[in-house]
C-alpha cells in the first residue's frame, strides 16, 4: 500500500495518506498567531479544510480530532468556532486538553485523522 505525503518538510509532513486514511499533523495558526483563540481556531480549521481537500477528503469524514489549548479557560471560545464549522451529525471522536504549546503566540493546535 502506497504512502502519499503532503507538505513535506525537514521535520514532518503536513498530511500523510495511507490507504483510505488521512493523518494531519498538528496545525497552528501562522497568520493569526498572537490573536484570539477564536481567530486562531478559524484559521486552523481553514488550513485543515485545505489539507483534507488536497488529500481527497473533507471534514464530513473526520474520524478523530485532538485539540490542544494553552489555557482550558478558552474551551468555550474555541468551541464557538468549532460548532459552526463541524457539520451536524458528522461529529468525530474528539479529545481536548490543556498543554504548553511550541511557542507562546500559539494558543490552539489541532490534529485530525480522516477517512477518504
PDB file of N, CA and C in Angstrom:
ATOM      1  N   UNK A   1       0.854  -1.180   0.000  1.00  0.00           N
ATOM      2  CA  UNK A   1       0.000   0.000   0.000  1.00  0.00           C
ATOM      3  C   UNK A   1       0.897   1.240   0.000  1.00  0.00           C
ATOM      4  N   UNK A   2       0.590   2.180  -0.869  1.00  0.00           N
ATOM      5  CA  UNK A   2       1.433   3.362  -1.016  1.00  0.00           C
ATOM      6  C   UNK A   2       1.169   4.391   0.083  1.00  0.00           C
ATOM      7  N   UNK A   3       2.146   5.239   0.258  1.00  0.00           N
ATOM      8  CA  UNK A   3       2.047   6.349   1.204  1.00  0.00           C
ATOM      9  C   UNK A   3       2.262   7.634   0.423  1.00  0.00           C
ATOM     10  N   UNK A   4       1.325   8.574   0.579  1.00  0.00           N
ATOM     11  CA  UNK A   4       1.437   9.895  -0.063  1.00  0.00           C
ATOM     12  C   UNK A   4       1.681  10.921   1.038  1.00  0.00           C
ATOM     13  N   UNK A   5       2.668  11.762   0.860  1.00  0.00           N
ATOM     14  CA  UNK A   5       2.981  12.812   1.834  1.00  0.00           C
ATOM     15  C   UNK A   5       2.689  14.168   1.208  1.00  0.00           C
ATOM     16  N   UNK A   6       2.023  15.026   1.977  1.00  0.00           N
ATOM     17  CA  UNK A   6       1.644  16.363   1.522  1.00  0.00           C
ATOM     18  C   UNK A   6       2.334  17.388   2.409  1.00  0.00           C
ATOM     19  N   UNK A   7       2.920  18.409   1.794  1.00  0.00           N
ATOM     20  CA  UNK A   7       3.598  19.446   2.580  1.00  0.00           C
ATOM     21  C   UNK A   7       4.791  18.899   3.336  1.00  0.00           C
ATOM     22  N   UNK A   8       5.642  18.189   2.632  1.00  0.00           N
ATOM     23  CA  UNK A   8       6.799  17.546   3.258  1.00  0.00           C
ATOM     24  C   UNK A   8       7.809  18.593   3.693  1.00  0.00           C
ATOM     25  N   UNK A   9       8.224  18.507   4.935  1.00  0.00           N
ATOM     26  CA  UNK A   9       9.242  19.393   5.475  1.00  0.00           C
ATOM     27  C   UNK A   9      10.374  18.580   6.063  1.00  0.00           C
ATOM     28  N   UNK A  10      11.389  19.243   6.602  1.00  0.00           N
ATOM     29  CA  UNK A  10      12.544  18.526   7.150  1.00  0.00           C
ATOM     30  C   UNK A  10      12.212  17.742   8.422  1.00  0.00           C
ATOM     31  N   UNK A  11      11.164  18.145   9.146  1.00  0.00           N
ATOM     32  CA  UNK A  11      10.820  17.503  10.409  1.00  0.00           C
ATOM     33  C   UNK A  11       9.536  16.687  10.321  1.00  0.00           C
ATOM     34  N   UNK A  12       8.588  17.138   9.488  1.00  0.00           N
ATOM     35  CA  UNK A  12       7.297  16.450   9.402  1.00  0.00           C
ATOM     36  C   UNK A  12       6.600  16.826   8.105  1.00  0.00           C
ATOM     37  N   UNK A  13       5.596  16.037   7.773  1.00  0.00           N
ATOM     38  CA  UNK A  13       4.711  16.345   6.649  1.00  0.00           C
ATOM     39  C   UNK A  13       3.427  16.910   7.230  1.00  0.00           C
ATOM     40  N   UNK A  14       2.782  17.829   6.503  1.00  0.00           N
ATOM     41  CA  UNK A  14       1.521  18.395   6.976  1.00  0.00           C
ATOM     42  C   UNK A  14       0.414  17.360   6.964  1.00  0.00           C
ATOM     43  N   UNK A  15       0.484  16.416   6.013  1.00  0.00           N
ATOM     44  CA  UNK A  15      -0.502  15.343   5.930  1.00  0.00           C
ATOM     45  C   UNK A  15       0.154  14.105   5.338  1.00  0.00           C
ATOM     46  N   UNK A  16      -0.357  12.949   5.752  1.00  0.00           N
ATOM     47  CA  UNK A  16       0.101  11.674   5.214  1.00  0.00           C
ATOM     48  C   UNK A  16      -1.133  10.843   4.902  1.00  0.00           C
ATOM     49  N   UNK A  17      -1.173  10.315   3.675  1.00  0.00           N
ATOM     50  CA  UNK A  17      -2.281   9.465   3.249  1.00  0.00           C
ATOM     51  C   UNK A  17      -1.751   8.037   3.124  1.00  0.00           C
ATOM     52  N   UNK A  18      -2.408   7.119   3.817  1.00  0.00           N
ATOM     53  CA  UNK A  18      -2.055   5.701   3.742  1.00  0.00           C
ATOM     54  C   UNK A  18      -3.346   4.925   3.549  1.00  0.00           C
ATOM     55  N   UNK A  19      -3.475   4.300   2.397  1.00  0.00           N
ATOM     56  CA  UNK A  19      -4.725   3.609   2.096  1.00  0.00           C
ATOM     57  C   UNK A  19      -5.866   4.608   2.044  1.00  0.00           C
ATOM     58  N   UNK A  20      -6.902   4.354   2.804  1.00  0.00           N
ATOM     59  CA  UNK A  20      -8.065   5.232   2.838  1.00  0.00           C
ATOM     60  C   UNK A  20      -8.116   6.081   4.100  1.00  0.00           C
ATOM     61  N   UNK A  21      -6.950   6.308   4.713  1.00  0.00           N
ATOM     62  CA  UNK A  21      -6.880   7.106   5.934  1.00  0.00           C
ATOM     63  C   UNK A  21      -5.925   8.276   5.723  1.00  0.00           C
ATOM     64  N   UNK A  22      -6.346   9.447   6.204  1.00  0.00           N
ATOM     65  CA  UNK A  22      -5.561  10.674   6.093  1.00  0.00           C
ATOM     66  C   UNK A  22      -5.203  11.140   7.498  1.00  0.00           C
ATOM     67  N   UNK A  23      -3.927  11.350   7.740  1.00  0.00           N
ATOM     68  CA  UNK A  23      -3.423  11.800   9.032  1.00  0.00           C
ATOM     69  C   UNK A  23      -2.860  13.208   8.865  1.00  0.00           C
ATOM     70  N   UNK A  24      -3.410  14.167   9.574  1.00  0.00           N
ATOM     71  CA  UNK A  24      -2.874  15.531   9.537  1.00  0.00           C
ATOM     72  C   UNK A  24      -2.036  15.778  10.777  1.00  0.00           C
ATOM     73  N   UNK A  25      -0.891  16.403  10.587  1.00  0.00           N
ATOM     74  CA  UNK A  25      -0.059  16.829  11.715  1.00  0.00           C
ATOM     75  C   UNK A  25      -0.797  17.922  12.476  1.00  0.00           C
ATOM     76  N   UNK A  26      -0.372  18.200  13.680  1.00  0.00           N
ATOM     77  CA  UNK A  26      -0.955  19.303  14.438  1.00  0.00           C
ATOM     78  C   UNK A  26      -0.787  20.607  13.674  1.00  0.00           C
ATOM     79  N   UNK A  27      -1.887  21.328  13.508  1.00  0.00           N
ATOM     80  CA  UNK A  27      -1.880  22.582  12.756  1.00  0.00           C
ATOM     81  C   UNK A  27      -2.020  23.756  13.716  1.00  0.00           C
ATOM     82  N   UNK A  28      -1.251  24.803  13.467  1.00  0.00           N
ATOM     83  CA  UNK A  28      -1.346  26.047  14.235  1.00  0.00           C
ATOM     84  C   UNK A  28      -1.621  27.196  13.276  1.00  0.00           C
ATOM     85  N   UNK A  29      -2.034  28.312  13.815  1.00  0.00           N
ATOM     86  CA  UNK A  29      -2.399  29.484  13.010  1.00  0.00           C
ATOM     87  C   UNK A  29      -1.196  30.401  12.836  1.00  0.00           C
ATOM     88  N   UNK A  30      -0.621  30.426  11.651  1.00  0.00           N
ATOM     89  CA  UNK A  30       0.525  31.302  11.398  1.00  0.00           C
ATOM     90  C   UNK A  30       0.104  32.762  11.270  1.00  0.00           C
ATOM     91  N   UNK A  31      -0.952  33.020  10.482  1.00  0.00           N
ATOM     92  CA  UNK A  31      -1.392  34.402  10.264  1.00  0.00           C
ATOM     93  C   UNK A  31      -2.047  34.996  11.503  1.00  0.00           C
ATOM     94  N   UNK A  32      -2.765  34.175  12.266  1.00  0.00           N
ATOM     95  CA  UNK A  32      -3.474  34.664  13.457  1.00  0.00           C
ATOM     96  C   UNK A  32      -2.677  34.428  14.742  1.00  0.00           C
ATOM     97  N   UNK A  33      -1.416  34.048  14.620  1.00  0.00           N
ATOM     98  CA  UNK A  33      -0.581  33.829  15.808  1.00  0.00           C
ATOM     99  C   UNK A  33      -0.605  35.077  16.684  1.00  0.00           C
ATOM    100  N   UNK A  34      -0.816  34.888  17.967  1.00  0.00           N
ATOM    101  CA  UNK A  34      -0.875  36.009  18.905  1.00  0.00           C
ATOM    102  C   UNK A  34      -2.244  36.653  18.995  1.00  0.00           C
ATOM    103  N   UNK A  35      -3.176  36.263  18.127  1.00  0.00           N
ATOM    104  CA  UNK A  35      -4.538  36.812  18.158  1.00  0.00           C
ATOM    105  C   UNK A  35      -5.423  35.928  19.029  1.00  0.00           C
ATOM    106  N   UNK A  36      -6.708  36.176  19.026  1.00  0.00           N
ATOM    107  CA  UNK A  36      -7.643  35.460  19.901  1.00  0.00           C
ATOM    108  C   UNK A  36      -7.709  33.972  19.568  1.00  0.00           C
ATOM    109  N   UNK A  37      -8.186  33.206  20.524  1.00  0.00           N
ATOM    110  CA  UNK A  37      -8.398  31.769  20.329  1.00  0.00           C
ATOM    111  C   UNK A  37      -9.378  31.545  19.176  1.00  0.00           C
ATOM    112  N   UNK A  38     -10.421  32.351  19.105  1.00  0.00           N
ATOM    113  CA  UNK A  38     -11.400  32.213  18.022  1.00  0.00           C
ATOM    114  C   UNK A  38     -10.742  32.432  16.662  1.00  0.00           C
ATOM    115  N   UNK A  39      -9.927  33.471  16.527  1.00  0.00           N
ATOM    116  CA  UNK A  39      -9.258  33.756  15.255  1.00  0.00           C
ATOM    117  C   UNK A  39      -8.278  32.644  14.887  1.00  0.00           C
ATOM    118  N   UNK A  40      -7.543  32.156  15.878  1.00  0.00           N
ATOM    119  CA  UNK A  40      -6.610  31.062  15.605  1.00  0.00           C
ATOM    120  C   UNK A  40      -7.364  29.799  15.209  1.00  0.00           C
ATOM    121  N   UNK A  41      -8.452  29.496  15.890  1.00  0.00           N
ATOM    122  CA  UNK A  41      -9.241  28.309  15.569  1.00  0.00           C
ATOM    123  C   UNK A  41      -9.794  28.404  14.147  1.00  0.00           C
ATOM    124  N   UNK A  42     -10.311  29.572  13.772  1.00  0.00           N
ATOM    125  CA  UNK A  42     -10.837  29.759  12.409  1.00  0.00           C
ATOM    126  C   UNK A  42      -9.762  29.494  11.360  1.00  0.00           C
ATOM    127  N   UNK A  43      -8.583  30.052  11.577  1.00  0.00           N
ATOM    128  CA  UNK A  43      -7.506  29.841  10.609  1.00  0.00           C
ATOM    129  C   UNK A  43      -7.113  28.371  10.534  1.00  0.00           C
ATOM    130  N   UNK A  44      -6.976  27.730  11.680  1.00  0.00           N
ATOM    131  CA  UNK A  44      -6.585  26.320  11.701  1.00  0.00           C
ATOM    132  C   UNK A  44      -7.616  25.461  10.976  1.00  0.00           C
ATOM    133  N   UNK A  45      -8.894  25.693  11.218  1.00  0.00           N
ATOM    134  CA  UNK A  45      -9.934  24.900  10.559  1.00  0.00           C
ATOM    135  C   UNK A  45      -9.928  25.126   9.051  1.00  0.00           C
ATOM    136  N   UNK A  46      -9.591  26.327   8.627  1.00  0.00           N
ATOM    137  CA  UNK A  46      -9.449  26.613   7.195  1.00  0.00           C
ATOM    138  C   UNK A  46      -8.263  25.849   6.609  1.00  0.00           C
ATOM    139  N   UNK A  47      -7.169  25.806   7.339  1.00  0.00           N
ATOM    140  CA  UNK A  47      -5.994  25.041   6.900  1.00  0.00           C
ATOM    141  C   UNK A  47      -6.359  23.562   6.791  1.00  0.00           C
ATOM    142  N   UNK A  48      -7.070  23.059   7.785  1.00  0.00           N
ATOM    143  CA  UNK A  48      -7.494  21.656   7.784  1.00  0.00           C
ATOM    144  C   UNK A  48      -8.384  21.376   6.573  1.00  0.00           C
ATOM    145  N   UNK A  49      -9.333  22.261   6.295  1.00  0.00           N
ATOM    146  CA  UNK A  49     -10.179  22.091   5.106  1.00  0.00           C
ATOM    147  C   UNK A  49      -9.321  21.939   3.845  1.00  0.00           C
ATOM    148  N   UNK A  50      -8.320  22.801   3.700  1.00  0.00           N
ATOM    149  CA  UNK A  50      -7.453  22.768   2.520  1.00  0.00           C
ATOM    150  C   UNK A  50      -6.634  21.495   2.426  1.00  0.00           C
ATOM    151  N   UNK A  51      -6.064  21.066   3.534  1.00  0.00           N
ATOM    152  CA  UNK A  51      -5.256  19.842   3.528  1.00  0.00           C
ATOM    153  C   UNK A  51      -6.116  18.612   3.265  1.00  0.00           C
ATOM    154  N   UNK A  52      -7.302  18.565   3.867  1.00  0.00           N
ATOM    155  CA  UNK A  52      -8.199  17.435   3.609  1.00  0.00           C
ATOM    156  C   UNK A  52      -8.588  17.383   2.137  1.00  0.00           C
ATOM    157  N   UNK A  53      -8.891  18.540   1.552  1.00  0.00           N
ATOM    158  CA  UNK A  53      -9.243  18.594   0.127  1.00  0.00           C
ATOM    159  C   UNK A  53      -8.082  18.098  -0.735  1.00  0.00           C
ATOM    160  N   UNK A  54      -6.875  18.542  -0.409  1.00  0.00           N
ATOM    161  CA  UNK A  54      -5.695  18.108  -1.158  1.00  0.00           C
ATOM    162  C   UNK A  54      -5.493  16.603  -1.062  1.00  0.00           C
ATOM    163  N   UNK A  55      -5.903  16.025   0.073  1.00  0.00           N
ATOM    164  CA  UNK A  55      -5.767  14.583   0.283  1.00  0.00           C
ATOM    165  C   UNK A  55      -6.954  13.803  -0.276  1.00  0.00           C
ATOM    166  N   UNK A  56      -7.958  14.507  -0.802  1.00  0.00           N
ATOM    167  CA  UNK A  56      -9.096  13.836  -1.412  1.00  0.00           C
ATOM    168  C   UNK A  56     -10.235  13.506  -0.473  1.00  0.00           C
ATOM    169  N   UNK A  57     -10.388  14.283   0.587  1.00  0.00           N
ATOM    170  CA  UNK A  57     -11.463  14.043   1.544  1.00  0.00           C
ATOM    171  C   UNK A  57     -11.976  15.376   2.086  1.00  0.00           C
ATOM    172  N   UNK A  58     -12.812  15.336   3.118  1.00  0.00           N
ATOM    173  CA  UNK A  58     -13.321  16.572   3.716  1.00  0.00           C
ATOM    174  C   UNK A  58     -13.736  16.329   5.162  1.00  0.00           C
ATOM    175  N   UNK A  59     -14.186  17.375   5.824  1.00  0.00           N
ATOM    176  CA  UNK A  59     -14.483  17.320   7.253  1.00  0.00           C
ATOM    177  C   UNK A  59     -15.653  16.407   7.612  1.00  0.00           C
ATOM    178  N   UNK A  60     -16.469  16.017   6.645  1.00  0.00           N
ATOM    179  CA  UNK A  60     -17.565  15.087   6.941  1.00  0.00           C
ATOM    180  C   UNK A  60     -17.048  13.680   7.191  1.00  0.00           C
ATOM    181  N   UNK A  61     -15.774  13.450   6.884  1.00  0.00           N
ATOM    182  CA  UNK A  61     -15.185  12.124   7.054  1.00  0.00           C
ATOM    183  C   UNK A  61     -14.166  12.072   8.190  1.00  0.00           C
ATOM    184  N   UNK A  62     -14.205  13.076   9.072  1.00  0.00           N
ATOM    185  CA  UNK A  62     -13.291  13.070  10.223  1.00  0.00           C
ATOM    186  C   UNK A  62     -13.586  11.867  11.118  1.00  0.00           C
ATOM    187  N   UNK A  63     -12.529  11.208  11.556  1.00  0.00           N
ATOM    188  CA  UNK A  63     -12.651  10.078  12.470  1.00  0.00           C
ATOM    189  C   UNK A  63     -12.288  10.472  13.903  1.00  0.00           C
ATOM    190  N   UNK A  64     -11.181  11.204  14.036  1.00  0.00           N
ATOM    191  CA  UNK A  64     -10.671  11.584  15.353  1.00  0.00           C
ATOM    192  C   UNK A  64     -10.000  12.936  15.272  1.00  0.00           C
ATOM    193  N   UNK A  65     -10.225  13.765  16.287  1.00  0.00           N
ATOM    194  CA  UNK A  65      -9.618  15.089  16.369  1.00  0.00           C
ATOM    195  C   UNK A  65      -8.999  15.255  17.749  1.00  0.00           C
ATOM    196  N   UNK A  66      -7.771  15.744  17.777  1.00  0.00           N
ATOM    197  CA  UNK A  66      -7.105  16.109  19.033  1.00  0.00           C
ATOM    198  C   UNK A  66      -6.886  17.609  19.018  1.00  0.00           C
ATOM    199  N   UNK A  67      -7.333  18.269  20.083  1.00  0.00           N
ATOM    200  CA  UNK A  67      -7.194  19.716  20.201  1.00  0.00           C
ATOM    201  C   UNK A  67      -6.402  20.017  21.467  1.00  0.00           C
ATOM    202  N   UNK A  68      -5.393  20.861  21.309  1.00  0.00           N
ATOM    203  CA  UNK A  68      -4.603  21.320  22.445  1.00  0.00           C
ATOM    204  C   UNK A  68      -4.847  22.813  22.621  1.00  0.00           C
ATOM    205  N   UNK A  69      -5.174  23.208  23.829  1.00  0.00           N
ATOM    206  CA  UNK A  69      -5.368  24.620  24.173  1.00  0.00           C
ATOM    207  C   UNK A  69      -4.313  25.011  25.195  1.00  0.00           C
ATOM    208  N   UNK A  70      -3.746  26.205  25.051  1.00  0.00           N
ATOM    209  CA  UNK A  70      -2.750  26.651  26.032  1.00  0.00           C
ATOM    210  C   UNK A  70      -3.406  26.999  27.361  1.00  0.00           C
ATOM    211  N   UNK A  71      -4.718  27.239  27.349  1.00  0.00           N
ATOM    212  CA  UNK A  71      -5.463  27.561  28.570  1.00  0.00           C
ATOM    213  C   UNK A  71      -6.882  27.025  28.422  1.00  0.00           C
ATOM    214  N   UNK A  72      -7.266  26.081  29.266  1.00  0.00           N
ATOM    215  CA  UNK A  72      -8.585  25.473  29.176  1.00  0.00           C
ATOM    216  C   UNK A  72      -9.712  26.482  29.407  1.00  0.00           C
ATOM    217  N   UNK A  73      -9.389  27.647  29.931  1.00  0.00           N
ATOM    218  CA  UNK A  73     -10.398  28.703  30.094  1.00  0.00           C
ATOM    219  C   UNK A  73     -10.923  29.169  28.733  1.00  0.00           C
ATOM    220  N   UNK A  74     -10.205  28.870  27.648  1.00  0.00           N
ATOM    221  CA  UNK A  74     -10.638  29.266  26.299  1.00  0.00           C
ATOM    222  C   UNK A  74     -11.439  28.175  25.594  1.00  0.00           C
ATOM    223  N   UNK A  75     -11.808  27.135  26.312  1.00  0.00           N
ATOM    224  CA  UNK A  75     -12.546  25.999  25.745  1.00  0.00           C
ATOM    225  C   UNK A  75     -13.837  26.451  25.063  1.00  0.00           C
ATOM    226  N   UNK A  76     -14.629  27.270  25.717  1.00  0.00           N
ATOM    227  CA  UNK A  76     -15.902  27.729  25.140  1.00  0.00           C
ATOM    228  C   UNK A  76     -15.672  28.597  23.903  1.00  0.00           C
ATOM    229  N   UNK A  77     -14.651  29.439  23.927  1.00  0.00           N
ATOM    230  CA  UNK A  77     -14.348  30.297  22.777  1.00  0.00           C
ATOM    231  C   UNK A  77     -13.969  29.452  21.556  1.00  0.00           C
ATOM    232  N   UNK A  78     -13.131  28.446  21.767  1.00  0.00           N
ATOM    233  CA  UNK A  78     -12.741  27.554  20.680  1.00  0.00           C
ATOM    234  C   UNK A  78     -13.968  26.798  20.175  1.00  0.00           C
ATOM    235  N   UNK A  79     -14.791  26.276  21.094  1.00  0.00           N
ATOM    236  CA  UNK A  79     -15.977  25.520  20.700  1.00  0.00           C
ATOM    237  C   UNK A  79     -16.977  26.369  19.928  1.00  0.00           C
ATOM    238  N   UNK A  80     -17.030  27.661  20.188  1.00  0.00           N
ATOM    239  CA  UNK A  80     -17.913  28.549  19.443  1.00  0.00           C
ATOM    240  C   UNK A  80     -17.607  28.537  17.957  1.00  0.00           C
ATOM    241  N   UNK A  81     -16.331  28.453  17.621  1.00  0.00           N
ATOM    242  CA  UNK A  81     -15.909  28.380  16.214  1.00  0.00           C
ATOM    243  C   UNK A  81     -16.091  26.951  15.696  1.00  0.00           C
ATOM    244  N   UNK A  82     -15.661  25.989  16.482  1.00  0.00           N
ATOM    245  CA  UNK A  82     -15.769  24.573  16.098  1.00  0.00           C
ATOM    246  C   UNK A  82     -17.215  24.198  15.766  1.00  0.00           C
ATOM    247  N   UNK A  83     -18.147  24.588  16.631  1.00  0.00           N
ATOM    248  CA  UNK A  83     -19.552  24.199  16.463  1.00  0.00           C
ATOM    249  C   UNK A  83     -20.160  24.743  15.170  1.00  0.00           C
ATOM    250  N   UNK A  84     -19.687  25.891  14.703  1.00  0.00           N
ATOM    251  CA  UNK A  84     -20.166  26.455  13.436  1.00  0.00           C
ATOM    252  C   UNK A  84     -19.529  25.753  12.237  1.00  0.00           C
ATOM    253  N   UNK A  85     -18.360  25.164  12.438  1.00  0.00           N
ATOM    254  CA  UNK A  85     -17.591  24.545  11.350  1.00  0.00           C
ATOM    255  C   UNK A  85     -17.985  23.093  11.112  1.00  0.00           C
ATOM    256  N   UNK A  86     -18.197  22.334  12.162  1.00  0.00           N
ATOM    257  CA  UNK A  86     -18.432  20.899  12.012  1.00  0.00           C
ATOM    258  C   UNK A  86     -19.881  20.648  11.596  1.00  0.00           C
ATOM    259  N   UNK A  87     -20.106  19.861  10.551  1.00  0.00           N
ATOM    260  CA  UNK A  87     -21.478  19.606  10.106  1.00  0.00           C
ATOM    261  C   UNK A  87     -22.269  18.792  11.137  1.00  0.00           C
ATOM    262  N   UNK A  88     -23.507  19.161  11.348  1.00  0.00           N
ATOM    263  CA  UNK A  88     -24.384  18.441  12.278  1.00  0.00           C
ATOM    264  C   UNK A  88     -24.464  16.976  11.862  1.00  0.00           C
ATOM    265  N   UNK A  89     -24.374  16.097  12.828  1.00  0.00           N
ATOM    266  CA  UNK A  89     -24.452  14.671  12.563  1.00  0.00           C
ATOM    267  C   UNK A  89     -23.164  14.062  12.035  1.00  0.00           C
ATOM    268  N   UNK A  90     -22.118  14.859  11.862  1.00  0.00           N
ATOM    269  CA  UNK A  90     -20.837  14.379  11.322  1.00  0.00           C
ATOM    270  C   UNK A  90     -19.701  14.554  12.334  1.00  0.00           C
ATOM    271  N   UNK A  91     -20.032  14.635  13.606  1.00  0.00           N
ATOM    272  CA  UNK A  91     -19.005  14.892  14.615  1.00  0.00           C
ATOM    273  C   UNK A  91     -18.090  13.679  14.802  1.00  0.00           C
ATOM    274  N   UNK A  92     -16.781  13.920  14.869  1.00  0.00           N
ATOM    275  CA  UNK A  92     -15.812  12.834  15.047  1.00  0.00           C
ATOM    276  C   UNK A  92     -15.613  12.532  16.532  1.00  0.00           C
ATOM    277  N   UNK A  93     -14.833  11.501  16.813  1.00  0.00           N
ATOM    278  CA  UNK A  93     -14.303  11.349  18.158  1.00  0.00           C
ATOM    279  C   UNK A  93     -13.391  12.548  18.399  1.00  0.00           C
ATOM    280  N   UNK A  94     -13.305  13.012  19.645  1.00  0.00           N
ATOM    281  CA  UNK A  94     -12.516  14.220  19.880  1.00  0.00           C
ATOM    282  C   UNK A  94     -11.986  14.237  21.312  1.00  0.00           C
ATOM    283  N   UNK A  95     -10.782  14.742  21.461  1.00  0.00           N
ATOM    284  CA  UNK A  95     -10.198  14.986  22.776  1.00  0.00           C
ATOM    285  C   UNK A  95      -9.663  16.410  22.790  1.00  0.00           C
ATOM    286  N   UNK A  96      -9.879  17.103  23.890  1.00  0.00           N
ATOM    287  CA  UNK A  96      -9.349  18.461  24.049  1.00  0.00           C
ATOM    288  C   UNK A  96      -8.636  18.523  25.387  1.00  0.00           C
ATOM    289  N   UNK A  97      -7.383  18.958  25.368  1.00  0.00           N
ATOM    290  CA  UNK A  97      -6.599  19.040  26.594  1.00  0.00           C
ATOM    291  C   UNK A  97      -5.857  20.371  26.664  1.00  0.00           C
ATOM    292  N   UNK A  98      -5.468  20.739  27.863  1.00  0.00           N
ATOM    293  CA  UNK A  98      -4.630  21.914  28.057  1.00  0.00           C
ATOM    294  C   UNK A  98      -3.176  21.469  27.990  1.00  0.00           C
ATOM    295  N   UNK A  99      -2.374  22.224  27.247  1.00  0.00           N
ATOM    296  CA  UNK A  99      -0.960  21.884  27.097  1.00  0.00           C
ATOM    297  C   UNK A  99      -0.159  23.136  26.789  1.00  0.00           C
ATOM    298  N   UNK A 100       1.091  23.109  27.167  1.00  0.00           N
ATOM    299  CA  UNK A 100       2.005  24.176  26.774  1.00  0.00           C
ATOM    300  C   UNK A 100       2.382  23.913  25.319  1.00  0.00           C
ATOM    301  N   UNK A 101       2.089  24.864  24.437  1.00  0.00           N
ATOM    302  CA  UNK A 101       2.356  24.682  23.017  1.00  0.00           C
ATOM    303  C   UNK A 101       3.772  25.128  22.666  1.00  0.00           C
ATOM    304  N   UNK A 102       4.166  24.914  21.418  1.00  0.00           N
ATOM    305  CA  UNK A 102       5.548  25.124  20.983  1.00  0.00           C
ATOM    306  C   UNK A 102       6.047  26.556  21.151  1.00  0.00           C
ATOM    307  N   UNK A 103       5.153  27.525  21.030  1.00  0.00           N
ATOM    308  CA  UNK A 103       5.535  28.935  21.160  1.00  0.00           C
ATOM    309  C   UNK A 103       4.377  29.690  21.813  1.00  0.00           C
ATOM    310  N   UNK A 104       4.667  30.725  22.584  1.00  0.00           N
ATOM    311  CA  UNK A 104       3.610  31.417  23.337  1.00  0.00           C
ATOM    312  C   UNK A 104       2.551  32.106  22.480  1.00  0.00           C
ATOM    313  N   UNK A 105       2.857  32.436  21.220  1.00  0.00           N
ATOM    314  CA  UNK A 105       1.861  33.085  20.364  1.00  0.00           C
ATOM    315  C   UNK A 105       0.787  32.106  19.885  1.00  0.00           C
ATOM    316  N   UNK A 106       1.024  30.805  20.052  1.00  0.00           N
ATOM    317  CA  UNK A 106       0.038  29.798  19.665  1.00  0.00           C
ATOM    318  C   UNK A 106      -0.791  29.402  20.881  1.00  0.00           C
ATOM    319  N   UNK A 107      -2.101  29.497  20.751  1.00  0.00           N
ATOM    320  CA  UNK A 107      -2.993  29.137  21.860  1.00  0.00           C
ATOM    321  C   UNK A 107      -3.855  27.927  21.526  1.00  0.00           C
ATOM    322  N   UNK A 108      -3.825  27.499  20.264  1.00  0.00           N
ATOM    323  CA  UNK A 108      -4.608  26.350  19.801  1.00  0.00           C
ATOM    324  C   UNK A 108      -3.768  25.545  18.809  1.00  0.00           C
ATOM    325  N   UNK A 109      -3.856  24.240  18.916  1.00  0.00           N
ATOM    326  CA  UNK A 109      -3.275  23.336  17.916  1.00  0.00           C
ATOM    327  C   UNK A 109      -4.267  22.212  17.696  1.00  0.00           C
ATOM    328  N   UNK A 110      -4.472  21.822  16.442  1.00  0.00           N
ATOM    329  CA  UNK A 110      -5.459  20.793  16.123  1.00  0.00           C
ATOM    330  C   UNK A 110      -4.857  19.788  15.151  1.00  0.00           C
ATOM    331  N   UNK A 111      -5.016  18.496  15.470  1.00  0.00           N
ATOM    332  CA  UNK A 111      -4.591  17.403  14.590  1.00  0.00           C
ATOM    333  C   UNK A 111      -5.807  16.528  14.312  1.00  0.00           C
ATOM    334  N   UNK A 112      -5.924  16.039  13.073  1.00  0.00           N
ATOM    335  CA  UNK A 112      -7.079  15.208  12.727  1.00  0.00           C
ATOM    336  C   UNK A 112      -6.669  13.963  11.967  1.00  0.00           C
ATOM    337  N   UNK A 113      -7.543  12.970  12.053  1.00  0.00           N
ATOM    338  CA  UNK A 113      -7.450  11.755  11.246  1.00  0.00           C
ATOM    339  C   UNK A 113      -8.798  11.649  10.531  1.00  0.00           C
ATOM    340  N   UNK A 114      -8.754  11.379   9.224  1.00  0.00           N
ATOM    341  CA  UNK A 114      -9.990  11.298   8.432  1.00  0.00           C
ATOM    342  C   UNK A 114      -9.951  10.093   7.503  1.00  0.00           C
ATOM    343  N   UNK A 115     -11.128   9.625   7.136  1.00  0.00           N
ATOM    344  CA  UNK A 115     -11.251   8.601   6.094  1.00  0.00           C
ATOM    345  C   UNK A 115     -11.286   9.310   4.747  1.00  0.00           C
ATOM    346  N   UNK A 116     -10.990   8.583   3.691  1.00  0.00           N
ATOM    347  CA  UNK A 116     -11.088   9.145   2.332  1.00  0.00           C
ATOM    348  C   UNK A 116     -12.464   8.892   1.786  1.00  0.00           C
TER     349      UNK A 116
END
